[in-house]
């Protein structure tokens, strides 16, 4: 275990409040970090998250995409982005909030970097974060083939262990 993710409350793509204590406690979850106007890696990260969601159907794994551009990524914008990527919103939430909240959750809670906007891009972590059912970060995974397969296997294993307890 690397660290405990503190409880957080943000806004999801539907405009509803998303409480980690209510929505994630007891579930294994995978996080990634995106912004909807990203000119580089975010569409790939979102596509990979969608692939993970589809390949783990039948498991109890949840998915959370955190916006690193909360000023632009309003719930309405995130909702359009989720629809454009055929996201299954029963298992996958797209979250935003004010910048200090987002920075706190992303940098302090999940130990990923969130930079400032420069030349149309925002420096941010391109790794996926696996969190167990007790809210402990269990690993960071690169956005490449073998790492994605390992992430899927680890998430399934943790989910099966959590439901057996």
Protein backbone atom coordinates (compact mmCIF):
# COMPACT_ATOMS: atom_id res chain seq x y z
CA UNK A 1 0.00 0.00 0.00
CA UNK A 2 1.33 3.38 -0.92
CA UNK A 3 -1.08 5.88 0.62
CA UNK A 4 -4.66 6.33 1.82
CA UNK A 5 -6.83 8.52 -0.41
CA UNK A 6 -8.75 10.92 1.85
CA UNK A 7 -12.51 11.19 1.34
CA UNK A 8 -13.45 13.85 -1.18
CA UNK A 9 -16.58 15.44 -2.56
CA UNK A 10 -16.58 16.79 -6.12
CA UNK A 11 -19.09 17.34 -8.92
CA UNK A 12 -19.73 14.68 -11.54
CA UNK A 13 -20.66 15.13 -15.21
CA UNK A 14 -24.37 14.98 -14.31
CA UNK A 15 -24.01 18.00 -12.03
CA UNK A 16 -24.64 15.82 -8.97
CA UNK A 17 -22.33 15.74 -5.98
CA UNK A 18 -19.96 12.79 -6.01
CA UNK A 19 -18.84 11.67 -2.56
CA UNK A 20 -16.02 9.16 -2.50
CA UNK A 21 -17.27 7.87 0.85
CA UNK A 22 -20.66 7.04 -0.68
CA UNK A 23 -19.69 6.08 -4.24
CA UNK A 24 -16.29 4.40 -3.89
CA UNK A 25 -16.06 2.93 -0.40
CA UNK A 26 -16.02 -0.85 -0.70
CA UNK A 27 -15.16 -0.74 -4.42
CA UNK A 28 -11.85 -1.11 -6.21
CA UNK A 29 -11.41 1.86 -8.53
CA UNK A 30 -9.14 3.13 -11.24
CA UNK A 31 -8.40 6.85 -11.69
CA UNK A 32 -7.02 8.80 -14.59
CA UNK A 33 -6.50 12.49 -15.28
CA UNK A 34 -7.80 14.30 -18.35
CA UNK A 35 -9.10 17.56 -19.73
CA UNK A 36 -11.60 17.88 -22.53
CA UNK A 37 -9.66 20.35 -24.71
CA UNK A 38 -6.42 18.34 -24.49
CA UNK A 39 -4.43 18.48 -27.73
CA UNK A 40 -2.30 15.46 -26.89
CA UNK A 41 -2.73 12.37 -24.71
CA UNK A 42 -6.16 12.74 -23.05
CA UNK A 43 -8.24 11.17 -25.85
CA UNK A 44 -5.94 8.13 -25.69
CA UNK A 45 -6.21 7.97 -21.88
CA UNK A 46 -10.00 8.17 -22.11
CA UNK A 47 -10.10 5.47 -24.79
CA UNK A 48 -7.91 3.22 -22.65
CA UNK A 49 -10.14 3.81 -19.63
CA UNK A 50 -13.15 2.86 -21.76
CA UNK A 51 -11.40 -0.33 -22.85
CA UNK A 52 -10.65 -1.19 -19.21
CA UNK A 53 -14.28 -0.56 -18.27
CA UNK A 54 -15.54 -2.83 -21.05
CA UNK A 55 -13.02 -5.61 -20.32
CA UNK A 56 -13.90 -5.63 -16.60
CA UNK A 57 -17.68 -5.74 -16.99
CA UNK A 58 -19.11 -8.23 -14.57
CA UNK A 59 -16.65 -7.09 -11.89
CA UNK A 60 -17.28 -4.46 -9.23
CA UNK A 61 -14.45 -2.15 -10.40
CA UNK A 62 -15.32 1.57 -10.70
CA UNK A 63 -13.67 4.22 -12.87
CA UNK A 64 -13.02 7.90 -12.16
CA UNK A 65 -11.65 10.51 -14.57
CA UNK A 66 -10.51 13.69 -12.82
CA UNK A 67 -10.40 16.93 -14.82
CA UNK A 68 -7.15 18.87 -14.51
CA UNK A 69 -8.90 21.88 -16.11
CA UNK A 70 -11.87 22.52 -13.83
CA UNK A 71 -12.38 26.08 -15.11
CA UNK A 72 -13.21 24.74 -18.59
CA UNK A 73 -14.52 21.29 -17.69
CA UNK A 74 -17.93 22.10 -16.27
CA UNK A 75 -20.39 19.25 -15.67
CA UNK A 76 -22.05 20.02 -19.02
CA UNK A 77 -18.72 19.88 -20.88
CA UNK A 78 -17.75 16.64 -19.11
CA UNK A 79 -21.15 15.14 -19.91
CA UNK A 80 -20.68 15.83 -23.64
CA UNK A 81 -17.14 14.43 -23.46
CA UNK A 82 -18.37 11.27 -21.69
CA UNK A 83 -21.10 10.75 -24.29
CA UNK A 84 -18.62 11.29 -27.14
CA UNK A 85 -16.48 8.51 -25.64
CA UNK A 86 -19.43 6.14 -25.00
CA UNK A 87 -18.67 6.10 -21.27
CA UNK A 88 -20.74 3.76 -19.09
CA UNK A 89 -21.74 6.30 -16.44
CA UNK A 90 -23.08 3.59 -14.14
CA UNK A 91 -19.45 2.61 -13.39
CA UNK A 92 -17.48 5.62 -14.63
CA UNK A 93 -17.61 9.17 -13.25
CA UNK A 94 -16.05 12.31 -14.74
CA UNK A 95 -15.28 14.72 -11.91
CA UNK A 96 -14.65 18.43 -11.59
CA UNK A 97 -14.64 21.01 -8.82
CA UNK A 98 -12.87 24.24 -8.04
CA UNK A 99 -9.13 24.31 -8.79
CA UNK A 100 -7.91 24.09 -5.16
CA UNK A 101 -10.21 21.09 -4.51
CA UNK A 102 -9.05 19.31 -7.65
CA UNK A 103 -5.39 20.01 -6.89
CA UNK A 104 -5.82 18.68 -3.35
CA UNK A 105 -7.45 15.42 -4.47
CA UNK A 106 -5.11 14.86 -7.42
CA UNK A 107 -1.79 15.91 -5.90
CA UNK A 108 -2.22 15.16 -2.21
CA UNK A 109 -4.72 12.32 -2.34
CA UNK A 110 -3.64 10.46 -5.47
CA UNK A 111 -0.02 11.65 -5.66
CA UNK A 112 -0.24 12.77 -9.29
CA UNK A 113 0.90 16.07 -10.77
CA UNK A 114 -1.47 18.80 -11.94
CA UNK A 115 0.25 21.67 -13.74
CA UNK A 116 -0.90 25.02 -15.02
CA UNK A 117 -2.16 25.69 -18.56
CA UNK A 118 0.61 26.63 -21.01
CA UNK A 119 0.31 26.84 -24.79
CA UNK A 120 -3.05 25.05 -24.82
CA UNK A 121 -1.81 22.09 -22.80
CA UNK A 122 -1.78 21.25 -19.10
CA UNK A 123 0.99 19.15 -17.62
CA UNK A 124 -0.61 16.27 -15.75
CA UNK A 125 -0.03 12.66 -14.84
CA UNK A 126 -0.54 10.19 -17.66
CA UNK A 127 -0.55 7.18 -15.33
CA UNK A 128 -3.59 5.28 -14.13
CA UNK A 129 -3.96 4.87 -10.37
CA UNK A 130 -5.38 1.68 -8.85
CA UNK A 131 -7.15 2.13 -5.50
CA UNK A 132 -8.36 -0.77 -3.37
CA UNK A 133 -11.76 -1.13 -1.69
CA UNK A 134 -10.37 0.42 1.52
CA UNK A 135 -9.19 3.54 -0.31
CA UNK A 136 -5.48 2.71 -0.42
CA UNK A 137 -3.47 3.44 -3.56
CA UNK A 138 -2.11 0.09 -4.73
CA UNK A 139 -0.19 1.13 -7.82
CA UNK A 140 0.54 3.48 -10.69
CA UNK A 141 0.37 2.10 -14.24
CA UNK A 142 1.69 3.59 -17.45
CA UNK A 143 -0.70 4.01 -20.35
CA UNK A 144 0.92 1.30 -22.48
CA UNK A 145 -0.17 -2.22 -23.52
CA UNK A 146 1.58 -4.47 -20.98
CA UNK A 147 0.92 -2.04 -18.13
CA UNK A 148 -2.76 -1.84 -19.07
CA UNK A 149 -3.04 -5.63 -19.02
CA UNK A 150 -1.37 -5.75 -15.61
CA UNK A 151 -3.71 -3.01 -14.33
CA UNK A 152 -6.74 -4.99 -15.49
CA UNK A 153 -5.47 -8.18 -13.82
CA UNK A 154 -4.61 -6.39 -10.57
CA UNK A 155 -7.98 -4.61 -10.47
CA UNK A 156 -9.86 -7.87 -11.03
CA UNK A 157 -7.83 -9.65 -8.33
CA UNK A 158 -8.41 -6.87 -5.79
CA UNK A 159 -12.11 -6.73 -6.65
CA UNK A 160 -12.50 -10.49 -6.26
CA UNK A 161 -10.70 -10.38 -2.90
CA UNK A 162 -12.85 -7.48 -1.71
CA UNK A 163 -16.10 -9.27 -2.59
CA UNK A 164 -14.88 -12.46 -0.90
CA UNK A 165 -14.44 -10.58 2.41
